[in-house]
């Protein structure tokens, strides 16, 4: 894979790829390719896994390659009240945050479903 790994992004994803429009019946009918959709979902999950595994225990690397997360990492360090990134509690909080970031689309829906109960 040539792209950098990134968090799972299912929002706005066209689940099914349109492969054919059939006008034979007089009405437009869109036919979808389920195999293509499954492959796209698998690829996105794989990228999210690679993202998490690459940056787990590596906040410096994450902020170097993805500066947009620098503020979030800094907040975690502040919350733990230590600049020592090797501190077990700091790293644990960072890794938990990273996991939630990597799989946010799945976890957000789960949290929303719990709130609806």
PDB file of N, CA and C in Angstrom:
ATOM      1  N   UNK A   1       0.856  -1.169   0.000  1.00  0.00           N
ATOM      2  CA  UNK A   1       0.000   0.000   0.000  1.00  0.00           C
ATOM      3  C   UNK A   1       0.903   1.232   0.000  1.00  0.00           C
ATOM      4  N   UNK A   2       0.649   2.172  -0.884  1.00  0.00           N
ATOM      5  CA  UNK A   2       1.519   3.337  -1.029  1.00  0.00           C
ATOM      6  C   UNK A   2       1.095   4.505  -0.146  1.00  0.00           C
ATOM      7  N   UNK A   3      -0.164   4.601   0.217  1.00  0.00           N
ATOM      8  CA  UNK A   3      -0.627   5.693   1.071  1.00  0.00           C
ATOM      9  C   UNK A   3      -0.201   5.451   2.505  1.00  0.00           C
ATOM     10  N   UNK A   4      -0.057   6.572   3.265  1.00  0.00           N
ATOM     11  CA  UNK A   4       0.207   6.456   4.695  1.00  0.00           C
ATOM     12  C   UNK A   4      -1.015   5.850   5.347  1.00  0.00           C
ATOM     13  N   UNK A   5      -0.810   4.996   6.364  1.00  0.00           N
ATOM     14  CA  UNK A   5      -1.985   4.487   7.071  1.00  0.00           C
ATOM     15  C   UNK A   5      -2.723   5.638   7.741  1.00  0.00           C
ATOM     16  N   UNK A   6      -4.018   5.486   7.881  1.00  0.00           N
ATOM     17  CA  UNK A   6      -4.817   6.549   8.472  1.00  0.00           C
ATOM     18  C   UNK A   6      -5.973   5.945   9.252  1.00  0.00           C
ATOM     19  N   UNK A   7      -6.610   6.755  10.099  1.00  0.00           N
ATOM     20  CA  UNK A   7      -7.755   6.249  10.855  1.00  0.00           C
ATOM     21  C   UNK A   7      -8.867   5.779   9.927  1.00  0.00           C
ATOM     22  N   UNK A   8      -9.678   4.884  10.438  1.00  0.00           N
ATOM     23  CA  UNK A   8     -10.803   4.356   9.681  1.00  0.00           C
ATOM     24  C   UNK A   8     -11.763   5.484   9.332  1.00  0.00           C
ATOM     25  N   UNK A   9     -12.156   5.565   8.067  1.00  0.00           N
ATOM     26  CA  UNK A   9     -13.064   6.609   7.616  1.00  0.00           C
ATOM     27  C   UNK A   9     -14.158   5.966   6.781  1.00  0.00           C
ATOM     28  N   UNK A  10     -15.320   5.782   7.391  1.00  0.00           N
ATOM     29  CA  UNK A  10     -16.448   5.186   6.677  1.00  0.00           C
ATOM     30  C   UNK A  10     -17.490   6.218   6.281  1.00  0.00           C
ATOM     31  N   UNK A  11     -17.363   7.430   6.821  1.00  0.00           N
ATOM     32  CA  UNK A  11     -18.331   8.480   6.493  1.00  0.00           C
ATOM     33  C   UNK A  11     -18.181   8.883   5.032  1.00  0.00           C
ATOM     34  N   UNK A  12     -19.277   9.007   4.371  1.00  0.00           N
ATOM     35  CA  UNK A  12     -19.256   9.440   2.987  1.00  0.00           C
ATOM     36  C   UNK A  12     -18.764   8.380   2.019  1.00  0.00           C
ATOM     37  N   UNK A  13     -18.524   7.188   2.532  1.00  0.00           N
ATOM     38  CA  UNK A  13     -18.032   6.113   1.678  1.00  0.00           C
ATOM     39  C   UNK A  13     -19.183   5.565   0.852  1.00  0.00           C
ATOM     40  N   UNK A  14     -18.953   5.442  -0.425  1.00  0.00           N
ATOM     41  CA  UNK A  14     -19.954   4.826  -1.293  1.00  0.00           C
ATOM     42  C   UNK A  14     -19.796   3.320  -1.122  1.00  0.00           C
ATOM     43  N   UNK A  15     -20.651   2.725  -0.299  1.00  0.00           N
ATOM     44  CA  UNK A  15     -20.513   1.318   0.056  1.00  0.00           C
ATOM     45  C   UNK A  15     -20.486   0.425  -1.179  1.00  0.00           C
ATOM     46  N   UNK A  16     -21.325   0.696  -2.106  1.00  0.00           N
ATOM     47  CA  UNK A  16     -21.368  -0.123  -3.314  1.00  0.00           C
ATOM     48  C   UNK A  16     -20.898   0.693  -4.505  1.00  0.00           C
ATOM     49  N   UNK A  17     -20.104   0.079  -5.333  1.00  0.00           N
ATOM     50  CA  UNK A  17     -19.650   0.713  -6.561  1.00  0.00           C
ATOM     51  C   UNK A  17     -20.699   0.460  -7.637  1.00  0.00           C
ATOM     52  N   UNK A  18     -21.145   1.529  -8.273  1.00  0.00           N
ATOM     53  CA  UNK A  18     -22.099   1.368  -9.371  1.00  0.00           C
ATOM     54  C   UNK A  18     -21.352   0.767 -10.551  1.00  0.00           C
ATOM     55  N   UNK A  19     -21.882  -0.311 -11.094  1.00  0.00           N
ATOM     56  CA  UNK A  19     -21.190  -0.919 -12.234  1.00  0.00           C
ATOM     57  C   UNK A  19     -22.034  -0.926 -13.503  1.00  0.00           C
ATOM     58  N   UNK A  20     -23.332  -0.722 -13.371  1.00  0.00           N
ATOM     59  CA  UNK A  20     -24.158  -0.806 -14.577  1.00  0.00           C
ATOM     60  C   UNK A  20     -25.513  -0.147 -14.326  1.00  0.00           C
ATOM     61  N   UNK A  21     -26.009   0.555 -15.304  1.00  0.00           N
ATOM     62  CA  UNK A  21     -27.369   1.078 -15.239  1.00  0.00           C
ATOM     63  C   UNK A  21     -28.152   0.358 -16.322  1.00  0.00           C
ATOM     64  N   UNK A  22     -29.222  -0.310 -15.935  1.00  0.00           N
ATOM     65  CA  UNK A  22     -30.008  -1.131 -16.849  1.00  0.00           C
ATOM     66  C   UNK A  22     -31.326  -0.423 -17.151  1.00  0.00           C
ATOM     67  N   UNK A  23     -31.490   0.023 -18.418  1.00  0.00           N
ATOM     68  CA  UNK A  23     -32.722   0.698 -18.824  1.00  0.00           C
ATOM     69  C   UNK A  23     -33.680  -0.254 -19.539  1.00  0.00           C
ATOM     70  N   UNK A  24     -33.345  -1.523 -19.591  1.00  0.00           N
ATOM     71  CA  UNK A  24     -34.156  -2.503 -20.319  1.00  0.00           C
ATOM     72  C   UNK A  24     -35.581  -2.617 -19.813  1.00  0.00           C
ATOM     73  N   UNK A  25     -35.802  -2.411 -18.530  1.00  0.00           N
ATOM     74  CA  UNK A  25     -37.139  -2.568 -17.955  1.00  0.00           C
ATOM     75  C   UNK A  25     -37.975  -1.297 -18.074  1.00  0.00           C
ATOM     76  N   UNK A  26     -37.420  -0.251 -18.655  1.00  0.00           N
ATOM     77  CA  UNK A  26     -38.143   1.008 -18.765  1.00  0.00           C
ATOM     78  C   UNK A  26     -37.833   1.957 -17.613  1.00  0.00           C
ATOM     79  N   UNK A  27     -37.352   1.430 -16.502  1.00  0.00           N
ATOM     80  CA  UNK A  27     -36.944   2.247 -15.358  1.00  0.00           C
ATOM     81  C   UNK A  27     -35.449   2.039 -15.117  1.00  0.00           C
ATOM     82  N   UNK A  28     -34.752   3.108 -14.757  1.00  0.00           N
ATOM     83  CA  UNK A  28     -33.327   2.927 -14.460  1.00  0.00           C
ATOM     84  C   UNK A  28     -33.145   1.999 -13.258  1.00  0.00           C
ATOM     85  N   UNK A  29     -32.214   1.087 -13.378  1.00  0.00           N
ATOM     86  CA  UNK A  29     -31.925   0.168 -12.290  1.00  0.00           C
ATOM     87  C   UNK A  29     -30.411   0.152 -12.099  1.00  0.00           C
ATOM     88  N   UNK A  30     -29.960   0.441 -10.890  1.00  0.00           N
ATOM     89  CA  UNK A  30     -28.526   0.443 -10.611  1.00  0.00           C
ATOM     90  C   UNK A  30     -28.147  -0.917 -10.045  1.00  0.00           C
ATOM     91  N   UNK A  31     -27.143  -1.497 -10.620  1.00  0.00           N
ATOM     92  CA  UNK A  31     -26.643  -2.789 -10.158  1.00  0.00           C
ATOM     93  C   UNK A  31     -25.323  -2.546  -9.430  1.00  0.00           C
ATOM     94  N   UNK A  32     -25.161  -3.177  -8.271  1.00  0.00           N
ATOM     95  CA  UNK A  32     -23.983  -2.951  -7.443  1.00  0.00           C
ATOM     96  C   UNK A  32     -23.075  -4.172  -7.422  1.00  0.00           C
ATOM     97  N   UNK A  33     -21.808  -3.902  -7.184  1.00  0.00           N
ATOM     98  CA  UNK A  33     -20.815  -4.956  -7.079  1.00  0.00           C
ATOM     99  C   UNK A  33     -20.460  -5.155  -5.607  1.00  0.00           C
ATOM    100  N   UNK A  34     -21.026  -6.178  -4.979  1.00  0.00           N
ATOM    101  CA  UNK A  34     -20.819  -6.439  -3.551  1.00  0.00           C
ATOM    102  C   UNK A  34     -19.360  -6.773  -3.249  1.00  0.00           C
ATOM    103  N   UNK A  35     -18.708  -7.491  -4.144  1.00  0.00           N
ATOM    104  CA  UNK A  35     -17.303  -7.867  -3.933  1.00  0.00           C
ATOM    105  C   UNK A  35     -16.421  -6.619  -3.855  1.00  0.00           C
ATOM    106  N   UNK A  36     -16.666  -5.642  -4.718  1.00  0.00           N
ATOM    107  CA  UNK A  36     -15.913  -4.382  -4.697  1.00  0.00           C
ATOM    108  C   UNK A  36     -16.117  -3.662  -3.379  1.00  0.00           C
ATOM    109  N   UNK A  37     -17.359  -3.640  -2.902  1.00  0.00           N
ATOM    110  CA  UNK A  37     -17.673  -2.959  -1.642  1.00  0.00           C
ATOM    111  C   UNK A  37     -16.942  -3.624  -0.480  1.00  0.00           C
ATOM    112  N   UNK A  38     -16.965  -4.939  -0.436  1.00  0.00           N
ATOM    113  CA  UNK A  38     -16.284  -5.670   0.632  1.00  0.00           C
ATOM    114  C   UNK A  38     -14.784  -5.405   0.582  1.00  0.00           C
ATOM    115  N   UNK A  39     -14.205  -5.400  -0.593  1.00  0.00           N
ATOM    116  CA  UNK A  39     -12.772  -5.128  -0.728  1.00  0.00           C
ATOM    117  C   UNK A  39     -12.423  -3.726  -0.233  1.00  0.00           C
ATOM    118  N   UNK A  40     -13.267  -2.748  -0.542  1.00  0.00           N
ATOM    119  CA  UNK A  40     -13.008  -1.376  -0.090  1.00  0.00           C
ATOM    120  C   UNK A  40     -13.082  -1.280   1.433  1.00  0.00           C
ATOM    121  N   UNK A  41     -14.073  -1.923   2.030  1.00  0.00           N
ATOM    122  CA  UNK A  41     -14.199  -1.921   3.492  1.00  0.00           C
ATOM    123  C   UNK A  41     -12.979  -2.594   4.124  1.00  0.00           C
ATOM    124  N   UNK A  42     -12.567  -3.733   3.585  1.00  0.00           N
ATOM    125  CA  UNK A  42     -11.389  -4.428   4.110  1.00  0.00           C
ATOM    126  C   UNK A  42     -10.143  -3.548   4.020  1.00  0.00           C
ATOM    127  N   UNK A  43      -9.980  -2.848   2.908  1.00  0.00           N
ATOM    128  CA  UNK A  43      -8.819  -1.985   2.727  1.00  0.00           C
ATOM    129  C   UNK A  43      -8.808  -0.858   3.749  1.00  0.00           C
ATOM    130  N   UNK A  44      -9.970  -0.287   4.019  1.00  0.00           N
ATOM    131  CA  UNK A  44     -10.052   0.797   5.005  1.00  0.00           C
ATOM    132  C   UNK A  44      -9.765   0.292   6.412  1.00  0.00           C
ATOM    133  N   UNK A  45     -10.250  -0.884   6.749  1.00  0.00           N
ATOM    134  CA  UNK A  45      -9.966  -1.470   8.062  1.00  0.00           C
ATOM    135  C   UNK A  45      -8.480  -1.793   8.176  1.00  0.00           C
ATOM    136  N   UNK A  46      -7.893  -2.325   7.123  1.00  0.00           N
ATOM    137  CA  UNK A  46      -6.459  -2.635   7.120  1.00  0.00           C
ATOM    138  C   UNK A  46      -5.638  -1.357   7.347  1.00  0.00           C
ATOM    139  N   UNK A  47      -6.003  -0.274   6.691  1.00  0.00           N
ATOM    140  CA  UNK A  47      -5.293   0.984   6.855  1.00  0.00           C
ATOM    141  C   UNK A  47      -5.403   1.493   8.290  1.00  0.00           C
ATOM    142  N   UNK A  48      -6.583   1.362   8.901  1.00  0.00           N
ATOM    143  CA  UNK A  48      -6.768   1.790  10.286  1.00  0.00           C
ATOM    144  C   UNK A  48      -5.921   0.938  11.231  1.00  0.00           C
ATOM    145  N   UNK A  49      -5.851  -0.360  10.988  1.00  0.00           N
ATOM    146  CA  UNK A  49      -5.007  -1.244  11.808  1.00  0.00           C
ATOM    147  C   UNK A  49      -3.540  -0.850  11.672  1.00  0.00           C
ATOM    148  N   UNK A  50      -3.098  -0.606  10.445  1.00  0.00           N
ATOM    149  CA  UNK A  50      -1.705  -0.201  10.210  1.00  0.00           C
ATOM    150  C   UNK A  50      -1.417   1.134  10.895  1.00  0.00           C
ATOM    151  N   UNK A  51      -2.375   2.039  10.851  1.00  0.00           N
ATOM    152  CA  UNK A  51      -2.235   3.338  11.511  1.00  0.00           C
ATOM    153  C   UNK A  51      -2.004   3.140  13.008  1.00  0.00           C
ATOM    154  N   UNK A  52      -2.866   2.340  13.624  1.00  0.00           N
ATOM    155  CA  UNK A  52      -2.733   2.120  15.064  1.00  0.00           C
ATOM    156  C   UNK A  52      -1.406   1.434  15.398  1.00  0.00           C
ATOM    157  N   UNK A  53      -1.065   0.388  14.686  1.00  0.00           N
ATOM    158  CA  UNK A  53       0.160  -0.355  14.993  1.00  0.00           C
ATOM    159  C   UNK A  53       1.420   0.477  14.744  1.00  0.00           C
ATOM    160  N   UNK A  54       1.401   1.308  13.728  1.00  0.00           N
ATOM    161  CA  UNK A  54       2.573   2.130  13.418  1.00  0.00           C
ATOM    162  C   UNK A  54       2.832   3.176  14.506  1.00  0.00           C
ATOM    163  N   UNK A  55       1.762   3.785  15.027  1.00  0.00           N
ATOM    164  CA  UNK A  55       1.928   4.899  15.955  1.00  0.00           C
ATOM    165  C   UNK A  55       1.735   4.513  17.421  1.00  0.00           C
ATOM    166  N   UNK A  56       1.388   3.247  17.698  1.00  0.00           N
ATOM    167  CA  UNK A  56       1.270   2.790  19.079  1.00  0.00           C
ATOM    168  C   UNK A  56       2.630   2.967  19.769  1.00  0.00           C
ATOM    169  N   UNK A  57       2.610   3.566  20.921  1.00  0.00           N
ATOM    170  CA  UNK A  57       3.828   3.854  21.696  1.00  0.00           C
ATOM    171  C   UNK A  57       4.775   4.816  20.985  1.00  0.00           C
ATOM    172  N   UNK A  58       4.299   5.522  19.960  1.00  0.00           N
ATOM    173  CA  UNK A  58       5.145   6.424  19.171  1.00  0.00           C
ATOM    174  C   UNK A  58       4.493   7.793  18.964  1.00  0.00           C
ATOM    175  N   UNK A  59       4.189   8.527  20.028  1.00  0.00           N
ATOM    176  CA  UNK A  59       3.527   9.823  19.843  1.00  0.00           C
ATOM    177  C   UNK A  59       4.378  10.826  19.064  1.00  0.00           C
ATOM    178  N   UNK A  60       5.698  10.752  19.221  1.00  0.00           N
ATOM    179  CA  UNK A  60       6.567  11.677  18.478  1.00  0.00           C
ATOM    180  C   UNK A  60       6.459  11.436  16.974  1.00  0.00           C
ATOM    181  N   UNK A  61       6.431  10.170  16.583  1.00  0.00           N
ATOM    182  CA  UNK A  61       6.309   9.830  15.165  1.00  0.00           C
ATOM    183  C   UNK A  61       4.952  10.276  14.617  1.00  0.00           C
ATOM    184  N   UNK A  62       3.902  10.054  15.404  1.00  0.00           N
ATOM    185  CA  UNK A  62       2.561  10.480  14.966  1.00  0.00           C
ATOM    186  C   UNK A  62       2.534  11.981  14.713  1.00  0.00           C
ATOM    187  N   UNK A  63       3.022  12.771  15.661  1.00  0.00           N
ATOM    188  CA  UNK A  63       2.953  14.224  15.502  1.00  0.00           C
ATOM    189  C   UNK A  63       3.897  14.727  14.421  1.00  0.00           C
ATOM    190  N   UNK A  64       4.960  13.975  14.174  1.00  0.00           N
ATOM    191  CA  UNK A  64       5.873  14.351  13.088  1.00  0.00           C
ATOM    192  C   UNK A  64       5.219  14.118  11.727  1.00  0.00           C
ATOM    193  N   UNK A  65       4.567  12.982  11.568  1.00  0.00           N
ATOM    194  CA  UNK A  65       3.961  12.618  10.281  1.00  0.00           C
ATOM    195  C   UNK A  65       2.544  13.166  10.113  1.00  0.00           C
ATOM    196  N   UNK A  66       1.869  13.431  11.219  1.00  0.00           N
ATOM    197  CA  UNK A  66       0.500  13.971  11.196  1.00  0.00           C
ATOM    198  C   UNK A  66       0.408  15.130  12.187  1.00  0.00           C
ATOM    199  N   UNK A  67       0.947  16.287  11.829  1.00  0.00           N
ATOM    200  CA  UNK A  67       0.962  17.427  12.765  1.00  0.00           C
ATOM    201  C   UNK A  67      -0.421  17.847  13.258  1.00  0.00           C
ATOM    202  N   UNK A  68      -1.459  17.464  12.562  1.00  0.00           N
ATOM    203  CA  UNK A  68      -2.818  17.843  12.982  1.00  0.00           C
ATOM    204  C   UNK A  68      -3.203  17.221  14.330  1.00  0.00           C
ATOM    205  N   UNK A  69      -2.480  16.197  14.788  1.00  0.00           N
ATOM    206  CA  UNK A  69      -2.783  15.554  16.070  1.00  0.00           C
ATOM    207  C   UNK A  69      -1.888  16.044  17.208  1.00  0.00           C
ATOM    208  N   UNK A  70      -1.013  16.995  16.915  1.00  0.00           N
ATOM    209  CA  UNK A  70      -0.068  17.476  17.924  1.00  0.00           C
ATOM    210  C   UNK A  70      -0.787  18.031  19.153  1.00  0.00           C
ATOM    211  N   UNK A  71      -1.840  18.797  18.943  1.00  0.00           N
ATOM    212  CA  UNK A  71      -2.583  19.383  20.061  1.00  0.00           C
ATOM    213  C   UNK A  71      -3.200  18.291  20.944  1.00  0.00           C
ATOM    214  N   UNK A  72      -3.759  17.253  20.321  1.00  0.00           N
ATOM    215  CA  UNK A  72      -4.378  16.157  21.082  1.00  0.00           C
ATOM    216  C   UNK A  72      -3.342  15.424  21.932  1.00  0.00           C
ATOM    217  N   UNK A  73      -2.177  15.164  21.352  1.00  0.00           N
ATOM    218  CA  UNK A  73      -1.115  14.479  22.091  1.00  0.00           C
ATOM    219  C   UNK A  73      -0.637  15.356  23.245  1.00  0.00           C
ATOM    220  N   UNK A  74      -0.496  16.641  22.991  1.00  0.00           N
ATOM    221  CA  UNK A  74      -0.087  17.564  24.041  1.00  0.00           C
ATOM    222  C   UNK A  74      -1.108  17.568  25.188  1.00  0.00           C
ATOM    223  N   UNK A  75      -2.399  17.519  24.856  1.00  0.00           N
ATOM    224  CA  UNK A  75      -3.443  17.475  25.889  1.00  0.00           C
ATOM    225  C   UNK A  75      -3.316  16.220  26.757  1.00  0.00           C
ATOM    226  N   UNK A  76      -2.984  15.099  26.152  1.00  0.00           N
ATOM    227  CA  UNK A  76      -2.807  13.847  26.904  1.00  0.00           C
ATOM    228  C   UNK A  76      -1.627  13.973  27.859  1.00  0.00           C
ATOM    229  N   UNK A  77      -0.547  14.532  27.356  1.00  0.00           N
ATOM    230  CA  UNK A  77       0.640  14.730  28.197  1.00  0.00           C
ATOM    231  C   UNK A  77       0.317  15.668  29.361  1.00  0.00           C
ATOM    232  N   UNK A  78      -0.387  16.747  29.089  1.00  0.00           N
ATOM    233  CA  UNK A  78      -0.798  17.684  30.141  1.00  0.00           C
ATOM    234  C   UNK A  78      -1.693  17.018  31.175  1.00  0.00           C
ATOM    235  N   UNK A  79      -2.625  16.210  30.697  1.00  0.00           N
ATOM    236  CA  UNK A  79      -3.557  15.523  31.594  1.00  0.00           C
ATOM    237  C   UNK A  79      -2.804  14.604  32.560  1.00  0.00           C
ATOM    238  N   UNK A  80      -1.744  13.993  32.082  1.00  0.00           N
ATOM    239  CA  UNK A  80      -0.955  13.092  32.924  1.00  0.00           C
ATOM    240  C   UNK A  80       0.052  13.856  33.788  1.00  0.00           C
ATOM    241  N   UNK A  81       0.151  15.144  33.527  1.00  0.00           N
ATOM    242  CA  UNK A  81       1.014  16.031  34.305  1.00  0.00           C
ATOM    243  C   UNK A  81       2.475  15.584  34.298  1.00  0.00           C
ATOM    244  N   UNK A  82       2.914  15.089  33.161  1.00  0.00           N
ATOM    245  CA  UNK A  82       4.323  14.735  33.006  1.00  0.00           C
ATOM    246  C   UNK A  82       4.708  14.880  31.546  1.00  0.00           C
ATOM    247  N   UNK A  83       5.902  15.348  31.303  1.00  0.00           N
ATOM    248  CA  UNK A  83       6.412  15.425  29.930  1.00  0.00           C
ATOM    249  C   UNK A  83       7.152  14.146  29.551  1.00  0.00           C
ATOM    250  N   UNK A  84       7.237  13.235  30.500  1.00  0.00           N
ATOM    251  CA  UNK A  84       7.940  11.983  30.280  1.00  0.00           C
ATOM    252  C   UNK A  84       7.039  11.025  29.503  1.00  0.00           C
ATOM    253  N   UNK A  85       7.287  10.911  28.203  1.00  0.00           N
ATOM    254  CA  UNK A  85       6.444  10.049  27.365  1.00  0.00           C
ATOM    255  C   UNK A  85       6.671   8.571  27.641  1.00  0.00           C
ATOM    256  N   UNK A  86       7.761   8.246  28.340  1.00  0.00           N
ATOM    257  CA  UNK A  86       7.990   6.839  28.669  1.00  0.00           C
ATOM    258  C   UNK A  86       7.191   6.432  29.912  1.00  0.00           C
ATOM    259  N   UNK A  87       6.553   7.410  30.584  1.00  0.00           N
ATOM    260  CA  UNK A  87       5.716   7.131  31.739  1.00  0.00           C
ATOM    261  C   UNK A  87       4.596   6.175  31.317  1.00  0.00           C
ATOM    262  N   UNK A  88       4.430   5.090  32.056  1.00  0.00           N
ATOM    263  CA  UNK A  88       3.456   4.053  31.674  1.00  0.00           C
ATOM    264  C   UNK A  88       2.031   4.585  31.575  1.00  0.00           C
ATOM    265  N   UNK A  89       1.636   5.423  32.528  1.00  0.00           N
ATOM    266  CA  UNK A  89       0.271   5.952  32.518  1.00  0.00           C
ATOM    267  C   UNK A  89       0.044   6.873  31.317  1.00  0.00           C
ATOM    268  N   UNK A  90       1.040   7.703  31.009  1.00  0.00           N
ATOM    269  CA  UNK A  90       0.936   8.595  29.856  1.00  0.00           C
ATOM    270  C   UNK A  90       0.811   7.780  28.572  1.00  0.00           C
ATOM    271  N   UNK A  91       1.653   6.764  28.428  1.00  0.00           N
ATOM    272  CA  UNK A  91       1.629   5.951  27.211  1.00  0.00           C
ATOM    273  C   UNK A  91       0.323   5.169  27.111  1.00  0.00           C
ATOM    274  N   UNK A  92      -0.184   4.708  28.237  1.00  0.00           N
ATOM    275  CA  UNK A  92      -1.451   3.976  28.228  1.00  0.00           C
ATOM    276  C   UNK A  92      -2.580   4.884  27.747  1.00  0.00           C
ATOM    277  N   UNK A  93      -2.636   6.109  28.269  1.00  0.00           N
ATOM    278  CA  UNK A  93      -3.678   7.054  27.839  1.00  0.00           C
ATOM    279  C   UNK A  93      -3.524   7.408  26.361  1.00  0.00           C
ATOM    280  N   UNK A  94      -2.279   7.603  25.943  1.00  0.00           N
ATOM    281  CA  UNK A  94      -2.021   7.911  24.533  1.00  0.00           C
ATOM    282  C   UNK A  94      -2.503   6.757  23.650  1.00  0.00           C
ATOM    283  N   UNK A  95      -2.145   5.524  24.002  1.00  0.00           N
ATOM    284  CA  UNK A  95      -2.530   4.371  23.184  1.00  0.00           C
ATOM    285  C   UNK A  95      -4.040   4.178  23.149  1.00  0.00           C
ATOM    286  N   UNK A  96      -4.724   4.431  24.267  1.00  0.00           N
ATOM    287  CA  UNK A  96      -6.192   4.346  24.282  1.00  0.00           C
ATOM    288  C   UNK A  96      -6.792   5.395  23.349  1.00  0.00           C
ATOM    289  N   UNK A  97      -6.264   6.618  23.440  1.00  0.00           N
ATOM    290  CA  UNK A  97      -6.743   7.696  22.570  1.00  0.00           C
ATOM    291  C   UNK A  97      -6.480   7.348  21.100  1.00  0.00           C
ATOM    292  N   UNK A  98      -5.294   6.809  20.816  1.00  0.00           N
ATOM    293  CA  UNK A  98      -4.931   6.453  19.446  1.00  0.00           C
ATOM    294  C   UNK A  98      -5.868   5.377  18.893  1.00  0.00           C
ATOM    295  N   UNK A  99      -6.191   4.376  19.714  1.00  0.00           N
ATOM    296  CA  UNK A  99      -7.103   3.319  19.282  1.00  0.00           C
ATOM    297  C   UNK A  99      -8.470   3.906  18.935  1.00  0.00           C
ATOM    298  N   UNK A 100      -8.959   4.788  19.810  1.00  0.00           N
ATOM    299  CA  UNK A 100     -10.258   5.423  19.550  1.00  0.00           C
ATOM    300  C   UNK A 100     -10.210   6.288  18.301  1.00  0.00           C
ATOM    301  N   UNK A 101      -9.081   6.927  18.057  1.00  0.00           N
ATOM    302  CA  UNK A 101      -8.924   7.723  16.839  1.00  0.00           C
ATOM    303  C   UNK A 101      -8.912   6.819  15.609  1.00  0.00           C
ATOM    304  N   UNK A 102      -8.142   5.748  15.674  1.00  0.00           N
ATOM    305  CA  UNK A 102      -8.001   4.851  14.523  1.00  0.00           C
ATOM    306  C   UNK A 102      -9.333   4.224  14.109  1.00  0.00           C
ATOM    307  N   UNK A 103     -10.180   3.926  15.086  1.00  0.00           N
ATOM    308  CA  UNK A 103     -11.442   3.246  14.801  1.00  0.00           C
ATOM    309  C   UNK A 103     -12.652   4.089  15.187  1.00  0.00           C
ATOM    310  N   UNK A 104     -12.494   5.414  15.089  1.00  0.00           N
ATOM    311  CA  UNK A 104     -13.542   6.333  15.553  1.00  0.00           C
ATOM    312  C   UNK A 104     -14.882   6.130  14.868  1.00  0.00           C
ATOM    313  N   UNK A 105     -14.893   5.842  13.583  1.00  0.00           N
ATOM    314  CA  UNK A 105     -16.176   5.680  12.892  1.00  0.00           C
ATOM    315  C   UNK A 105     -16.964   4.500  13.450  1.00  0.00           C
ATOM    316  N   UNK A 106     -16.306   3.434  13.806  1.00  0.00           N
ATOM    317  CA  UNK A 106     -16.981   2.268  14.374  1.00  0.00           C
ATOM    318  C   UNK A 106     -17.383   2.549  15.816  1.00  0.00           C
ATOM    319  N   UNK A 107     -16.480   3.113  16.594  1.00  0.00           N
ATOM    320  CA  UNK A 107     -16.743   3.360  18.009  1.00  0.00           C
ATOM    321  C   UNK A 107     -17.778   4.460  18.219  1.00  0.00           C
ATOM    322  N   UNK A 108     -17.785   5.493  17.390  1.00  0.00           N
ATOM    323  CA  UNK A 108     -18.787   6.553  17.514  1.00  0.00           C
ATOM    324  C   UNK A 108     -20.181   5.999  17.315  1.00  0.00           C
ATOM    325  N   UNK A 109     -20.371   5.149  16.332  1.00  0.00           N
ATOM    326  CA  UNK A 109     -21.681   4.559  16.084  1.00  0.00           C
ATOM    327  C   UNK A 109     -22.103   3.693  17.260  1.00  0.00           C
ATOM    328  N   UNK A 110     -21.155   2.965  17.854  1.00  0.00           N
ATOM    329  CA  UNK A 110     -21.456   2.122  19.004  1.00  0.00           C
ATOM    330  C   UNK A 110     -21.909   2.971  20.184  1.00  0.00           C
ATOM    331  N   UNK A 111     -21.221   4.087  20.429  1.00  0.00           N
ATOM    332  CA  UNK A 111     -21.597   4.983  21.518  1.00  0.00           C
ATOM    333  C   UNK A 111     -22.966   5.595  21.269  1.00  0.00           C
ATOM    334  N   UNK A 112     -23.234   5.973  20.034  1.00  0.00           N
ATOM    335  CA  UNK A 112     -24.539   6.556  19.687  1.00  0.00           C
ATOM    336  C   UNK A 112     -25.649   5.542  19.910  1.00  0.00           C
ATOM    337  N   UNK A 113     -25.389   4.258  19.534  1.00  0.00           N
ATOM    338  CA  UNK A 113     -26.377   3.211  19.720  1.00  0.00           C
ATOM    339  C   UNK A 113     -26.680   2.999  21.205  1.00  0.00           C
ATOM    340  N   UNK A 114     -25.657   3.063  22.060  1.00  0.00           N
ATOM    341  CA  UNK A 114     -25.860   2.914  23.502  1.00  0.00           C
ATOM    342  C   UNK A 114     -26.725   4.042  24.044  1.00  0.00           C
ATOM    343  N   UNK A 115     -26.501   5.260  23.539  1.00  0.00           N
ATOM    344  CA  UNK A 115     -27.275   6.424  23.991  1.00  0.00           C
ATOM    345  C   UNK A 115     -28.740   6.316  23.587  1.00  0.00           C
ATOM    346  N   UNK A 116     -29.015   5.632  22.474  1.00  0.00           N
ATOM    347  CA  UNK A 116     -30.392   5.501  21.992  1.00  0.00           C
ATOM    348  C   UNK A 116     -31.208   4.505  22.821  1.00  0.00           C
ATOM    349  N   UNK A 117     -30.522   3.614  23.559  1.00  0.00           N
ATOM    350  CA  UNK A 117     -31.226   2.582  24.356  1.00  0.00           C
ATOM    351  C   UNK A 117     -31.953   3.165  25.532  1.00  0.00           C
TER     352      UNK A 117
END
